Every structure is written in structure tokens, then in C-alpha cells.
Amino acid sequence: MSYAKAERALKRIPLFKPIITQVGPCTMAVEPREPYEALVHAISHQQVHGNAARAIMGRLLALHAGPGFPPAEFILALPVEAMRGCGFSGSKVAAIRDIAEKAASGLVPTLAAAEALDDETLIQRLVAIRGVGRWTVEMLLMFTLGRPDILPVDDFGVRDGYRLAAGLEEQPKPKALAEIGREWAPHRSVAAWYLWRRADMAKKIKNVAPG
């Protein structure tokens, strides 16, 4: 996927020009898959190190003998104890079962159906699911559906990237960043990606600093 048009537009904004110059082309990866599957993965990764989350998901996948990702009906038929045995906490088991119930009922749309819905409609529809907040749906919009104009203002890294890029002492509040980010439309997903990279650059500098 090419983000050249977004890069050119954002590079005309003084805040982004030095970041884009230093980081180079946007390499944000989009992995299309069923929203139900993406949400289960998202819940499994909440507040857990990536490697641990992958191991837990691996144990869940191993329980499913069939091909592909375990369908909602399979998850609903699994005893709670079996899911806990994979390493999921009680709250995550409840959240994943709720995702499966909402997928079986049609509230969680298929990938094809999701592509026909606008961003805000999907957000309001999916935040009704246990354990799924606006940020989780925004990640799905960006990295599963490839929506180009998402600015996750509740994300710490995005806000800190803006703080660093703008030379501020404190992060902007989410509402303030949403207002500031209007200028970056319709390329706010790429803008967010570059703000994440700006925050990452500061972490690398800190890690190599002496003393």
C-alpha cells in the first residue's frame, strides 16, 4: 500500500515535515481479516506482553481442530475452564465470549459488511461489546480495515508524539488533539503513525543516553 499522497500532504505541515524527513516513507501494515477475529486478538493483547499474548492465543487455536480461526460457535461451546486453561483472565474470557455472542447475532459485522459502514457507525456499534472501547475499534479501523482518516486521540503514544513534535512540556488532552488534528484530514491515520514514530525516536534516544 502506498501512502505517498498522505506523506506529501502532511509534509506541507511544519509539525510533520521533520518527522517524515527523518523517518522516511510510511510503512504502516494493514492486515484484512474478519472483525470478529481482530477483536478477539485485540482483547488477548490487552495489558499483556506481545509474546505472552501470542502464546495464549496459540493455545486457544490449538483447541480448534478445524481450519482457520475458531468460529464464534466454537468459542461459545468451549467451557470457561478450557479458556482459562489457555491463560485468559476471567475478564478476558467474558469479553471474548461476548464478542463471539455478538458475532453470532450479527452485531459484529463480517469484513464485507464492515467495509460498507462508516467509521463512526462501526465505533458506536462495536463499543457496545464487553471489553471493547473506542481505542480498540480505532485500531481495527486502521490496521484491519485500512481506514485512512483515524486519529486515536486517547492513545498515549500519539499524544506524546505530538508533545515532542510540538515542543510542549505536557501532552494535549484528547479533545484538544482532536481539534488540532482536523488540519491533518483526510490523512489522520498516517499522521498518527508518524506521531508514534516520533515517540519511538525519543525512546531510542533515551535508551542510548549515557548515565
N, C-alpha and C. Protein backbone atom coordinates (compact mmCIF):
# COMPACT_ATOMS: atom_id res chain seq x y z
N MET A 1 0.84 -1.20 0.00
CA MET A 1 0.00 0.00 0.00
C MET A 1 0.88 1.25 0.00
N SER A 2 0.54 2.20 -0.86
CA SER A 2 1.32 3.43 -0.94
C SER A 2 0.64 4.54 -0.15
N TYR A 3 1.44 5.22 0.65
CA TYR A 3 0.94 6.36 1.41
C TYR A 3 1.56 7.66 0.91
N ALA A 4 2.04 7.64 -0.34
CA ALA A 4 2.78 8.79 -0.87
C ALA A 4 1.94 10.07 -0.87
N LYS A 5 0.66 9.96 -1.23
CA LYS A 5 -0.20 11.15 -1.26
C LYS A 5 -0.33 11.75 0.14
N ALA A 6 -0.55 10.89 1.14
CA ALA A 6 -0.67 11.37 2.52
C ALA A 6 0.64 11.99 2.99
N GLU A 7 1.75 11.36 2.64
CA GLU A 7 3.06 11.90 3.05
C GLU A 7 3.30 13.28 2.46
N ARG A 8 2.96 13.45 1.20
CA ARG A 8 3.15 14.76 0.56
C ARG A 8 2.29 15.83 1.24
N ALA A 9 1.05 15.48 1.54
CA ALA A 9 0.15 16.44 2.17
C ALA A 9 0.63 16.80 3.58
N LEU A 10 1.03 15.81 4.35
CA LEU A 10 1.46 16.06 5.72
C LEU A 10 2.81 16.78 5.77
N LYS A 11 3.63 16.54 4.77
CA LYS A 11 4.95 17.18 4.75
C LYS A 11 4.84 18.69 4.57
N ARG A 12 3.70 19.14 4.07
CA ARG A 12 3.48 20.58 3.94
C ARG A 12 3.10 21.22 5.27
N ILE A 13 2.86 20.40 6.28
CA ILE A 13 2.54 20.89 7.63
C ILE A 13 3.84 20.91 8.43
N PRO A 14 4.25 22.06 8.96
CA PRO A 14 5.55 22.18 9.65
C PRO A 14 5.78 21.14 10.74
N LEU A 15 4.73 20.74 11.45
CA LEU A 15 4.89 19.76 12.53
C LEU A 15 5.43 18.43 12.00
N PHE A 16 4.97 18.04 10.81
CA PHE A 16 5.30 16.71 10.30
C PHE A 16 6.53 16.67 9.40
N LYS A 17 6.89 17.78 8.82
CA LYS A 17 7.99 17.76 7.84
C LYS A 17 9.27 17.14 8.41
N PRO A 18 9.75 17.56 9.61
CA PRO A 18 10.99 16.95 10.11
C PRO A 18 10.83 15.47 10.47
N ILE A 19 9.65 15.07 10.91
CA ILE A 19 9.44 13.67 11.25
C ILE A 19 9.50 12.81 9.99
N ILE A 20 8.78 13.23 8.97
CA ILE A 20 8.74 12.47 7.72
C ILE A 20 10.12 12.42 7.07
N THR A 21 10.85 13.54 7.13
CA THR A 21 12.20 13.59 6.57
C THR A 21 13.11 12.58 7.26
N GLN A 22 12.98 12.48 8.59
CA GLN A 22 13.86 11.59 9.35
C GLN A 22 13.41 10.13 9.26
N VAL A 23 12.12 9.89 9.34
CA VAL A 23 11.60 8.51 9.37
C VAL A 23 11.56 7.89 7.98
N GLY A 24 11.21 8.70 6.98
CA GLY A 24 11.07 8.18 5.63
C GLY A 24 9.65 7.75 5.35
N PRO A 25 9.44 6.97 4.29
CA PRO A 25 8.09 6.58 3.89
C PRO A 25 7.34 5.82 4.97
N CYS A 26 6.04 6.02 5.00
CA CYS A 26 5.17 5.29 5.93
C CYS A 26 5.11 3.82 5.54
N THR A 27 5.29 2.95 6.53
CA THR A 27 5.24 1.51 6.27
C THR A 27 4.14 0.84 7.10
N MET A 28 3.11 1.59 7.42
CA MET A 28 2.00 1.05 8.22
C MET A 28 1.38 -0.15 7.49
N ALA A 29 1.33 -1.27 8.19
CA ALA A 29 0.81 -2.50 7.59
C ALA A 29 -0.67 -2.68 7.93
N VAL A 30 -1.45 -3.07 6.94
CA VAL A 30 -2.86 -3.37 7.12
C VAL A 30 -3.06 -4.85 6.85
N GLU A 31 -3.73 -5.53 7.78
CA GLU A 31 -3.95 -6.98 7.65
C GLU A 31 -5.46 -7.24 7.63
N PRO A 32 -6.07 -7.29 6.45
CA PRO A 32 -7.52 -7.53 6.38
C PRO A 32 -7.88 -8.90 6.95
N ARG A 33 -8.82 -8.92 7.87
CA ARG A 33 -9.35 -10.17 8.39
C ARG A 33 -10.72 -9.88 9.01
N GLU A 34 -11.43 -10.92 9.36
CA GLU A 34 -12.77 -10.72 9.91
C GLU A 34 -12.70 -9.90 11.20
N PRO A 35 -13.57 -8.90 11.35
CA PRO A 35 -13.57 -8.09 12.58
C PRO A 35 -13.69 -8.93 13.85
N TYR A 36 -14.47 -9.98 13.81
CA TYR A 36 -14.59 -10.88 14.97
C TYR A 36 -13.21 -11.40 15.39
N GLU A 37 -12.44 -11.88 14.43
CA GLU A 37 -11.09 -12.39 14.72
C GLU A 37 -10.19 -11.28 15.23
N ALA A 38 -10.26 -10.11 14.59
CA ALA A 38 -9.42 -8.98 15.01
C ALA A 38 -9.72 -8.55 16.44
N LEU A 39 -11.00 -8.56 16.81
CA LEU A 39 -11.38 -8.17 18.16
C LEU A 39 -10.92 -9.18 19.21
N VAL A 40 -11.00 -10.46 18.88
CA VAL A 40 -10.51 -11.48 19.82
C VAL A 40 -9.01 -11.31 20.04
N HIS A 41 -8.28 -11.09 18.96
CA HIS A 41 -6.84 -10.85 19.09
C HIS A 41 -6.58 -9.59 19.92
N ALA A 42 -7.37 -8.54 19.70
CA ALA A 42 -7.17 -7.30 20.44
C ALA A 42 -7.36 -7.51 21.94
N ILE A 43 -8.40 -8.23 22.30
CA ILE A 43 -8.65 -8.50 23.72
C ILE A 43 -7.51 -9.33 24.32
N SER A 44 -7.03 -10.29 23.56
CA SER A 44 -5.95 -11.16 24.08
C SER A 44 -4.68 -10.37 24.35
N HIS A 45 -4.48 -9.27 23.63
CA HIS A 45 -3.26 -8.48 23.78
C HIS A 45 -3.38 -7.36 24.82
N GLN A 46 -4.57 -7.14 25.35
CA GLN A 46 -4.75 -6.07 26.32
C GLN A 46 -3.95 -6.35 27.60
N GLN A 47 -3.10 -5.39 27.98
CA GLN A 47 -2.34 -5.43 29.24
C GLN A 47 -1.47 -6.67 29.38
N VAL A 48 -1.04 -7.23 28.25
CA VAL A 48 -0.17 -8.41 28.26
C VAL A 48 0.93 -8.19 27.25
N HIS A 49 2.14 -8.62 27.57
CA HIS A 49 3.27 -8.53 26.62
C HIS A 49 2.93 -9.31 25.36
N GLY A 50 3.39 -8.81 24.22
CA GLY A 50 3.06 -9.42 22.94
C GLY A 50 3.36 -10.90 22.86
N ASN A 51 4.52 -11.33 23.34
CA ASN A 51 4.88 -12.75 23.28
C ASN A 51 3.94 -13.60 24.12
N ALA A 52 3.57 -13.10 25.30
CA ALA A 52 2.65 -13.83 26.17
C ALA A 52 1.28 -13.94 25.52
N ALA A 53 0.82 -12.85 24.90
CA ALA A 53 -0.48 -12.86 24.24
C ALA A 53 -0.49 -13.87 23.09
N ARG A 54 0.60 -13.91 22.32
CA ARG A 54 0.67 -14.86 21.20
C ARG A 54 0.67 -16.30 21.71
N ALA A 55 1.32 -16.55 22.83
CA ALA A 55 1.33 -17.90 23.40
C ALA A 55 -0.08 -18.31 23.86
N ILE A 56 -0.79 -17.38 24.49
CA ILE A 56 -2.15 -17.66 24.95
C ILE A 56 -3.06 -17.94 23.77
N MET A 57 -2.95 -17.09 22.72
CA MET A 57 -3.77 -17.31 21.54
C MET A 57 -3.41 -18.62 20.85
N GLY A 58 -2.14 -18.98 20.89
CA GLY A 58 -1.71 -20.24 20.29
C GLY A 58 -2.37 -21.43 20.96
N ARG A 59 -2.51 -21.36 22.28
CA ARG A 59 -3.17 -22.46 23.00
C ARG A 59 -4.66 -22.53 22.65
N LEU A 60 -5.28 -21.35 22.47
CA LEU A 60 -6.69 -21.35 22.08
C LEU A 60 -6.85 -21.94 20.68
N LEU A 61 -5.99 -21.54 19.75
CA LEU A 61 -6.07 -22.05 18.38
C LEU A 61 -5.85 -23.56 18.34
N ALA A 62 -5.00 -24.05 19.24
CA ALA A 62 -4.71 -25.49 19.26
C ALA A 62 -5.93 -26.32 19.68
N LEU A 63 -6.86 -25.70 20.39
CA LEU A 63 -8.07 -26.42 20.80
C LEU A 63 -9.03 -26.63 19.64
N HIS A 64 -8.84 -25.84 18.58
CA HIS A 64 -9.74 -25.91 17.43
C HIS A 64 -9.12 -26.80 16.36
N ALA A 65 -9.75 -27.93 16.10
CA ALA A 65 -9.18 -28.90 15.16
C ALA A 65 -9.38 -28.51 13.71
N GLY A 66 -10.37 -27.68 13.44
CA GLY A 66 -10.68 -27.34 12.06
C GLY A 66 -9.75 -26.29 11.49
N PRO A 67 -9.90 -26.00 10.20
CA PRO A 67 -9.05 -24.99 9.57
C PRO A 67 -9.52 -23.58 9.92
N GLY A 68 -8.60 -22.64 9.82
CA GLY A 68 -8.95 -21.25 10.04
C GLY A 68 -9.12 -20.89 11.51
N PHE A 69 -9.54 -19.66 11.74
CA PHE A 69 -9.73 -19.16 13.10
C PHE A 69 -10.97 -19.78 13.71
N PRO A 70 -10.94 -20.12 15.01
CA PRO A 70 -12.11 -20.74 15.64
C PRO A 70 -13.36 -19.87 15.48
N PRO A 71 -14.43 -20.39 14.92
CA PRO A 71 -15.65 -19.59 14.73
C PRO A 71 -16.32 -19.27 16.06
N ALA A 72 -17.23 -18.31 16.01
CA ALA A 72 -17.90 -17.87 17.24
C ALA A 72 -18.59 -19.03 17.95
N GLU A 73 -19.20 -19.91 17.17
CA GLU A 73 -19.94 -21.03 17.77
C GLU A 73 -18.99 -21.94 18.55
N PHE A 74 -17.78 -22.10 18.06
CA PHE A 74 -16.79 -22.93 18.78
C PHE A 74 -16.43 -22.29 20.11
N ILE A 75 -16.20 -20.97 20.11
CA ILE A 75 -15.84 -20.27 21.35
C ILE A 75 -16.97 -20.39 22.36
N LEU A 76 -18.21 -20.23 21.92
CA LEU A 76 -19.35 -20.28 22.83
C LEU A 76 -19.55 -21.68 23.42
N ALA A 77 -19.12 -22.70 22.67
CA ALA A 77 -19.27 -24.08 23.15
C ALA A 77 -18.14 -24.50 24.08
N LEU A 78 -17.06 -23.74 24.09
CA LEU A 78 -15.92 -24.08 24.96
C LEU A 78 -16.27 -23.84 26.42
N PRO A 79 -15.93 -24.77 27.30
CA PRO A 79 -16.10 -24.50 28.73
C PRO A 79 -15.21 -23.33 29.16
N VAL A 80 -15.69 -22.56 30.10
CA VAL A 80 -14.90 -21.43 30.62
C VAL A 80 -13.54 -21.93 31.12
N GLU A 81 -13.55 -23.11 31.76
CA GLU A 81 -12.31 -23.65 32.31
C GLU A 81 -11.27 -23.90 31.22
N ALA A 82 -11.73 -24.29 30.04
CA ALA A 82 -10.80 -24.54 28.93
C ALA A 82 -10.15 -23.24 28.49
N MET A 83 -10.93 -22.16 28.46
CA MET A 83 -10.37 -20.87 28.08
C MET A 83 -9.43 -20.34 29.15
N ARG A 84 -9.80 -20.52 30.40
CA ARG A 84 -8.90 -20.11 31.48
C ARG A 84 -7.60 -20.90 31.43
N GLY A 85 -7.70 -22.18 31.01
CA GLY A 85 -6.51 -23.02 30.89
C GLY A 85 -5.56 -22.54 29.81
N CYS A 86 -6.07 -21.77 28.84
CA CYS A 86 -5.20 -21.19 27.81
C CYS A 86 -4.38 -20.03 28.36
N GLY A 87 -4.85 -19.47 29.49
CA GLY A 87 -4.14 -18.34 30.09
C GLY A 87 -4.93 -17.05 30.12
N PHE A 88 -6.18 -17.09 29.65
CA PHE A 88 -7.01 -15.89 29.68
C PHE A 88 -7.51 -15.62 31.09
N SER A 89 -7.53 -14.37 31.48
CA SER A 89 -8.12 -13.99 32.76
C SER A 89 -9.63 -14.14 32.68
N GLY A 90 -10.27 -14.09 33.83
CA GLY A 90 -11.72 -14.20 33.86
C GLY A 90 -12.39 -13.10 33.07
N SER A 91 -11.87 -11.89 33.17
CA SER A 91 -12.48 -10.77 32.46
C SER A 91 -12.30 -10.91 30.95
N LYS A 92 -11.16 -11.46 30.52
CA LYS A 92 -10.93 -11.65 29.09
C LYS A 92 -11.79 -12.78 28.53
N VAL A 93 -11.99 -13.82 29.33
CA VAL A 93 -12.90 -14.89 28.90
C VAL A 93 -14.29 -14.31 28.68
N ALA A 94 -14.75 -13.48 29.61
CA ALA A 94 -16.08 -12.88 29.48
C ALA A 94 -16.16 -11.98 28.25
N ALA A 95 -15.09 -11.21 28.00
CA ALA A 95 -15.07 -10.31 26.85
C ALA A 95 -15.07 -11.09 25.54
N ILE A 96 -14.24 -12.13 25.46
CA ILE A 96 -14.15 -12.91 24.22
C ILE A 96 -15.46 -13.65 23.95
N ARG A 97 -16.09 -14.15 25.00
CA ARG A 97 -17.38 -14.82 24.81
C ARG A 97 -18.44 -13.82 24.36
N ASP A 98 -18.36 -12.59 24.85
CA ASP A 98 -19.32 -11.58 24.42
C ASP A 98 -19.09 -11.21 22.95
N ILE A 99 -17.82 -11.13 22.54
CA ILE A 99 -17.51 -10.88 21.13
C ILE A 99 -18.10 -12.01 20.27
N ALA A 100 -17.93 -13.25 20.73
CA ALA A 100 -18.46 -14.40 19.98
C ALA A 100 -19.99 -14.34 19.90
N GLU A 101 -20.62 -13.98 21.02
CA GLU A 101 -22.09 -13.88 21.02
C GLU A 101 -22.56 -12.80 20.05
N LYS A 102 -21.86 -11.65 20.08
CA LYS A 102 -22.25 -10.54 19.20
C LYS A 102 -21.95 -10.86 17.74
N ALA A 103 -20.91 -11.67 17.49
CA ALA A 103 -20.62 -12.09 16.12
C ALA A 103 -21.69 -13.05 15.62
N ALA A 104 -22.09 -13.99 16.50
CA ALA A 104 -23.12 -14.96 16.12
C ALA A 104 -24.46 -14.29 15.85
N SER A 105 -24.72 -13.19 16.58
CA SER A 105 -26.01 -12.49 16.42
C SER A 105 -25.98 -11.51 15.26
N GLY A 106 -24.77 -11.22 14.73
CA GLY A 106 -24.65 -10.30 13.61
C GLY A 106 -24.29 -8.89 14.01
N LEU A 107 -24.18 -8.59 15.31
CA LEU A 107 -23.79 -7.24 15.72
C LEU A 107 -22.36 -6.94 15.29
N VAL A 108 -21.46 -7.93 15.42
CA VAL A 108 -20.11 -7.78 14.85
C VAL A 108 -20.23 -8.13 13.37
N PRO A 109 -20.02 -7.16 12.49
CA PRO A 109 -20.23 -7.42 11.06
C PRO A 109 -19.12 -8.27 10.46
N THR A 110 -19.41 -8.88 9.34
CA THR A 110 -18.37 -9.55 8.56
C THR A 110 -17.46 -8.48 7.98
N LEU A 111 -16.33 -8.90 7.45
CA LEU A 111 -15.41 -7.95 6.82
C LEU A 111 -16.10 -7.22 5.67
N ALA A 112 -16.84 -7.94 4.86
CA ALA A 112 -17.52 -7.32 3.73
C ALA A 112 -18.55 -6.30 4.20
N ALA A 113 -19.29 -6.64 5.25
CA ALA A 113 -20.30 -5.72 5.77
C ALA A 113 -19.66 -4.51 6.43
N ALA A 114 -18.54 -4.74 7.13
CA ALA A 114 -17.85 -3.64 7.82
C ALA A 114 -17.34 -2.62 6.81
N GLU A 115 -16.88 -3.09 5.67
CA GLU A 115 -16.33 -2.18 4.66
C GLU A 115 -17.39 -1.23 4.11
N ALA A 116 -18.66 -1.58 4.29
CA ALA A 116 -19.74 -0.73 3.80
C ALA A 116 -20.22 0.27 4.86
N LEU A 117 -19.70 0.18 6.08
CA LEU A 117 -20.12 1.05 7.17
C LEU A 117 -19.09 2.16 7.38
N ASP A 118 -19.56 3.35 7.76
CA ASP A 118 -18.62 4.44 8.02
C ASP A 118 -17.96 4.27 9.38
N ASP A 119 -16.89 5.04 9.61
CA ASP A 119 -16.06 4.88 10.81
C ASP A 119 -16.88 5.01 12.09
N GLU A 120 -17.63 6.09 12.23
CA GLU A 120 -18.34 6.35 13.48
C GLU A 120 -19.44 5.32 13.73
N THR A 121 -20.09 4.86 12.68
CA THR A 121 -21.10 3.82 12.85
C THR A 121 -20.49 2.55 13.41
N LEU A 122 -19.33 2.16 12.89
CA LEU A 122 -18.64 0.97 13.40
C LEU A 122 -18.21 1.16 14.84
N ILE A 123 -17.69 2.34 15.17
CA ILE A 123 -17.26 2.59 16.54
C ILE A 123 -18.43 2.45 17.51
N GLN A 124 -19.53 3.13 17.22
CA GLN A 124 -20.69 3.09 18.12
C GLN A 124 -21.28 1.69 18.21
N ARG A 125 -21.20 0.94 17.15
CA ARG A 125 -21.74 -0.43 17.14
C ARG A 125 -20.88 -1.37 17.98
N LEU A 126 -19.57 -1.24 17.86
CA LEU A 126 -18.68 -2.22 18.50
C LEU A 126 -18.33 -1.89 19.94
N VAL A 127 -18.43 -0.64 20.35
CA VAL A 127 -18.12 -0.33 21.75
C VAL A 127 -19.19 -0.86 22.69
N ALA A 128 -20.29 -1.36 22.14
CA ALA A 128 -21.32 -1.98 22.97
C ALA A 128 -20.88 -3.35 23.48
N ILE A 129 -19.78 -3.87 22.93
CA ILE A 129 -19.27 -5.18 23.33
C ILE A 129 -18.43 -5.05 24.59
N ARG A 130 -18.56 -6.00 25.47
CA ARG A 130 -17.80 -6.02 26.72
C ARG A 130 -16.30 -6.00 26.43
N GLY A 131 -15.59 -5.09 27.10
CA GLY A 131 -14.13 -5.03 26.98
C GLY A 131 -13.63 -4.32 25.74
N VAL A 132 -14.53 -3.84 24.88
CA VAL A 132 -14.13 -3.17 23.65
C VAL A 132 -14.42 -1.68 23.78
N GLY A 133 -13.37 -0.87 23.80
CA GLY A 133 -13.52 0.57 23.88
C GLY A 133 -13.26 1.22 22.54
N ARG A 134 -13.37 2.52 22.53
CA ARG A 134 -13.19 3.27 21.28
C ARG A 134 -11.81 3.03 20.68
N TRP A 135 -10.76 3.02 21.52
CA TRP A 135 -9.40 2.83 21.03
C TRP A 135 -9.26 1.49 20.31
N THR A 136 -9.86 0.44 20.89
CA THR A 136 -9.78 -0.89 20.26
C THR A 136 -10.40 -0.87 18.87
N VAL A 137 -11.54 -0.21 18.74
CA VAL A 137 -12.20 -0.15 17.43
C VAL A 137 -11.38 0.70 16.47
N GLU A 138 -10.78 1.77 16.97
CA GLU A 138 -9.93 2.60 16.10
C GLU A 138 -8.75 1.81 15.56
N MET A 139 -8.17 0.92 16.39
CA MET A 139 -7.07 0.08 15.91
C MET A 139 -7.58 -0.87 14.81
N LEU A 140 -8.79 -1.39 14.99
CA LEU A 140 -9.38 -2.25 13.96
C LEU A 140 -9.59 -1.46 12.67
N LEU A 141 -10.09 -0.24 12.81
CA LEU A 141 -10.33 0.59 11.63
C LEU A 141 -9.03 0.86 10.87
N MET A 142 -7.97 1.11 11.62
CA MET A 142 -6.69 1.44 10.97
C MET A 142 -6.00 0.22 10.40
N PHE A 143 -5.85 -0.83 11.22
CA PHE A 143 -4.95 -1.93 10.87
C PHE A 143 -5.64 -3.16 10.29
N THR A 144 -6.99 -3.21 10.37
CA THR A 144 -7.72 -4.30 9.74
C THR A 144 -8.47 -3.82 8.51
N LEU A 145 -9.12 -2.66 8.63
CA LEU A 145 -9.92 -2.14 7.52
C LEU A 145 -9.17 -1.12 6.67
N GLY A 146 -8.01 -0.65 7.16
CA GLY A 146 -7.22 0.29 6.37
C GLY A 146 -7.88 1.65 6.19
N ARG A 147 -8.66 2.09 7.18
CA ARG A 147 -9.32 3.39 7.06
C ARG A 147 -8.26 4.51 7.14
N PRO A 148 -8.30 5.48 6.25
CA PRO A 148 -7.20 6.45 6.13
C PRO A 148 -7.27 7.66 7.06
N ASP A 149 -8.41 7.86 7.73
CA ASP A 149 -8.58 9.13 8.43
C ASP A 149 -8.97 8.93 9.90
N ILE A 150 -8.22 8.09 10.61
CA ILE A 150 -8.47 7.80 12.02
C ILE A 150 -7.37 8.43 12.87
N LEU A 151 -7.76 9.19 13.88
CA LEU A 151 -6.80 9.77 14.81
C LEU A 151 -7.16 9.30 16.22
N PRO A 152 -6.45 8.30 16.75
CA PRO A 152 -6.76 7.77 18.08
C PRO A 152 -6.23 8.68 19.19
N VAL A 153 -7.01 9.69 19.52
CA VAL A 153 -6.54 10.74 20.44
C VAL A 153 -6.39 10.24 21.88
N ASP A 154 -6.96 9.07 22.20
CA ASP A 154 -6.79 8.52 23.55
C ASP A 154 -5.49 7.73 23.68
N ASP A 155 -4.77 7.57 22.59
CA ASP A 155 -3.54 6.77 22.60
C ASP A 155 -2.39 7.58 23.20
N PHE A 156 -1.72 7.03 24.19
CA PHE A 156 -0.62 7.74 24.87
C PHE A 156 0.49 8.07 23.89
N GLY A 157 0.86 7.12 23.03
CA GLY A 157 1.96 7.33 22.10
C GLY A 157 1.67 8.43 21.09
N VAL A 158 0.44 8.49 20.61
CA VAL A 158 0.07 9.54 19.67
C VAL A 158 0.15 10.91 20.34
N ARG A 159 -0.38 11.01 21.55
CA ARG A 159 -0.34 12.29 22.26
C ARG A 159 1.09 12.68 22.63
N ASP A 160 1.90 11.69 23.00
CA ASP A 160 3.28 12.02 23.37
C ASP A 160 4.10 12.38 22.14
N GLY A 161 3.82 11.72 21.02
CA GLY A 161 4.49 12.08 19.78
C GLY A 161 4.19 13.52 19.40
N TYR A 162 2.95 13.92 19.59
CA TYR A 162 2.59 15.32 19.29
C TYR A 162 3.30 16.26 20.26
N ARG A 163 3.33 15.90 21.53
CA ARG A 163 4.02 16.74 22.52
C ARG A 163 5.46 16.98 22.13
N LEU A 164 6.13 15.92 21.74
CA LEU A 164 7.55 16.01 21.37
C LEU A 164 7.72 16.82 20.08
N ALA A 165 6.87 16.55 19.10
CA ALA A 165 6.99 17.24 17.82
C ALA A 165 6.71 18.73 17.95
N ALA A 166 5.79 19.07 18.84
CA ALA A 166 5.40 20.48 19.02
C ALA A 166 6.25 21.19 20.07
N GLY A 167 7.14 20.44 20.76
CA GLY A 167 8.00 21.04 21.78
C GLY A 167 7.24 21.47 23.02
N LEU A 168 6.24 20.69 23.40
CA LEU A 168 5.44 21.02 24.57
C LEU A 168 5.95 20.28 25.81
N GLU A 169 5.64 20.81 26.98
CA GLU A 169 6.02 20.15 28.23
C GLU A 169 5.02 19.06 28.60
N GLU A 170 3.76 19.26 28.24
CA GLU A 170 2.72 18.30 28.58
C GLU A 170 1.96 17.85 27.33
N GLN A 171 1.43 16.65 27.41
CA GLN A 171 0.62 16.14 26.31
C GLN A 171 -0.68 16.94 26.20
N PRO A 172 -1.18 17.12 25.00
CA PRO A 172 -2.51 17.74 24.85
C PRO A 172 -3.58 16.78 25.34
N LYS A 173 -4.68 17.32 25.81
CA LYS A 173 -5.82 16.48 26.16
C LYS A 173 -6.41 15.90 24.87
N PRO A 174 -7.06 14.73 24.97
CA PRO A 174 -7.63 14.11 23.76
C PRO A 174 -8.53 15.05 22.95
N LYS A 175 -9.39 15.79 23.64
CA LYS A 175 -10.31 16.69 22.93
C LYS A 175 -9.54 17.78 22.19
N ALA A 176 -8.48 18.30 22.82
CA ALA A 176 -7.67 19.34 22.18
C ALA A 176 -6.94 18.78 20.97
N LEU A 177 -6.40 17.57 21.09
CA LEU A 177 -5.68 16.97 19.96
C LEU A 177 -6.64 16.68 18.80
N ALA A 178 -7.86 16.28 19.13
CA ALA A 178 -8.84 16.04 18.07
C ALA A 178 -9.10 17.31 17.28
N GLU A 179 -9.15 18.43 17.97
CA GLU A 179 -9.38 19.70 17.29
C GLU A 179 -8.17 20.09 16.46
N ILE A 180 -6.97 19.93 17.02
CA ILE A 180 -5.74 20.24 16.30
C ILE A 180 -5.64 19.36 15.04
N GLY A 181 -6.00 18.10 15.20
CA GLY A 181 -5.85 17.13 14.12
C GLY A 181 -6.78 17.31 12.95
N ARG A 182 -7.77 18.20 13.09
CA ARG A 182 -8.67 18.44 11.96
C ARG A 182 -7.88 18.89 10.73
N GLU A 183 -6.77 19.59 10.97
CA GLU A 183 -5.94 20.08 9.86
C GLU A 183 -5.31 18.94 9.08
N TRP A 184 -5.18 17.78 9.70
CA TRP A 184 -4.47 16.68 9.07
C TRP A 184 -5.39 15.78 8.22
N ALA A 185 -6.69 16.02 8.29
CA ALA A 185 -7.64 15.24 7.49
C ALA A 185 -7.38 15.51 6.00
N PRO A 186 -7.61 14.53 5.13
CA PRO A 186 -8.14 13.19 5.39
C PRO A 186 -7.06 12.12 5.54
N HIS A 187 -5.94 12.50 6.16
CA HIS A 187 -4.80 11.58 6.27
C HIS A 187 -4.41 11.34 7.73
N ARG A 188 -5.39 11.33 8.62
CA ARG A 188 -5.05 11.27 10.04
C ARG A 188 -4.51 9.92 10.50
N SER A 189 -4.78 8.85 9.78
CA SER A 189 -4.19 7.56 10.15
C SER A 189 -2.67 7.60 9.95
N VAL A 190 -2.24 8.13 8.82
CA VAL A 190 -0.80 8.25 8.56
C VAL A 190 -0.18 9.26 9.53
N ALA A 191 -0.90 10.33 9.84
CA ALA A 191 -0.40 11.30 10.81
C ALA A 191 -0.16 10.62 12.16
N ALA A 192 -1.11 9.78 12.59
CA ALA A 192 -0.95 9.05 13.84
C ALA A 192 0.27 8.15 13.79
N TRP A 193 0.46 7.48 12.65
CA TRP A 193 1.62 6.58 12.50
C TRP A 193 2.92 7.35 12.68
N TYR A 194 3.00 8.54 12.08
CA TYR A 194 4.22 9.34 12.23
C TYR A 194 4.39 9.87 13.66
N LEU A 195 3.30 10.16 14.34
CA LEU A 195 3.42 10.58 15.75
C LEU A 195 3.90 9.42 16.61
N TRP A 196 3.46 8.21 16.32
CA TRP A 196 4.00 7.04 17.02
C TRP A 196 5.50 6.91 16.79
N ARG A 197 5.92 7.12 15.55
CA ARG A 197 7.34 7.03 15.24
C ARG A 197 8.14 8.12 15.98
N ARG A 198 7.55 9.31 16.11
CA ARG A 198 8.23 10.38 16.84
C ARG A 198 8.41 10.00 18.30
N ALA A 199 7.40 9.38 18.89
CA ALA A 199 7.52 8.92 20.27
C ALA A 199 8.57 7.81 20.38
N ASP A 200 8.61 6.91 19.39
CA ASP A 200 9.61 5.83 19.39
C ASP A 200 11.03 6.40 19.30
N MET A 201 11.22 7.43 18.50
CA MET A 201 12.54 8.04 18.35
C MET A 201 13.04 8.57 19.68
N ALA A 202 12.15 9.15 20.47
CA ALA A 202 12.54 9.69 21.77
C ALA A 202 12.94 8.57 22.72
N LYS A 203 12.24 7.43 22.64
CA LYS A 203 12.58 6.29 23.49
C LYS A 203 13.96 5.75 23.16
N LYS A 204 14.28 5.68 21.86
CA LYS A 204 15.59 5.18 21.45
C LYS A 204 16.71 6.09 21.93
N ILE A 205 16.49 7.39 21.84
CA ILE A 205 17.48 8.35 22.32
C ILE A 205 17.69 8.19 23.81
N LYS A 206 16.59 8.02 24.54
CA LYS A 206 16.67 7.85 26.00
C LYS A 206 17.43 6.59 26.37
N ASN A 207 17.20 5.51 25.60
CA ASN A 207 17.84 4.23 25.91
C ASN A 207 19.34 4.25 25.67
N VAL A 208 19.79 5.09 24.74
CA VAL A 208 21.23 5.10 24.44
C VAL A 208 21.95 6.26 25.18
N ALA A 209 21.18 7.05 25.90
CA ALA A 209 21.79 8.19 26.61
C ALA A 209 22.70 7.67 27.73
N PRO A 210 23.87 8.29 27.94
CA PRO A 210 24.77 7.83 28.99
C PRO A 210 24.20 8.10 30.38
N GLY A 211 24.65 7.31 31.33
CA GLY A 211 24.27 7.52 32.71
C GLY A 211 22.91 7.04 33.05
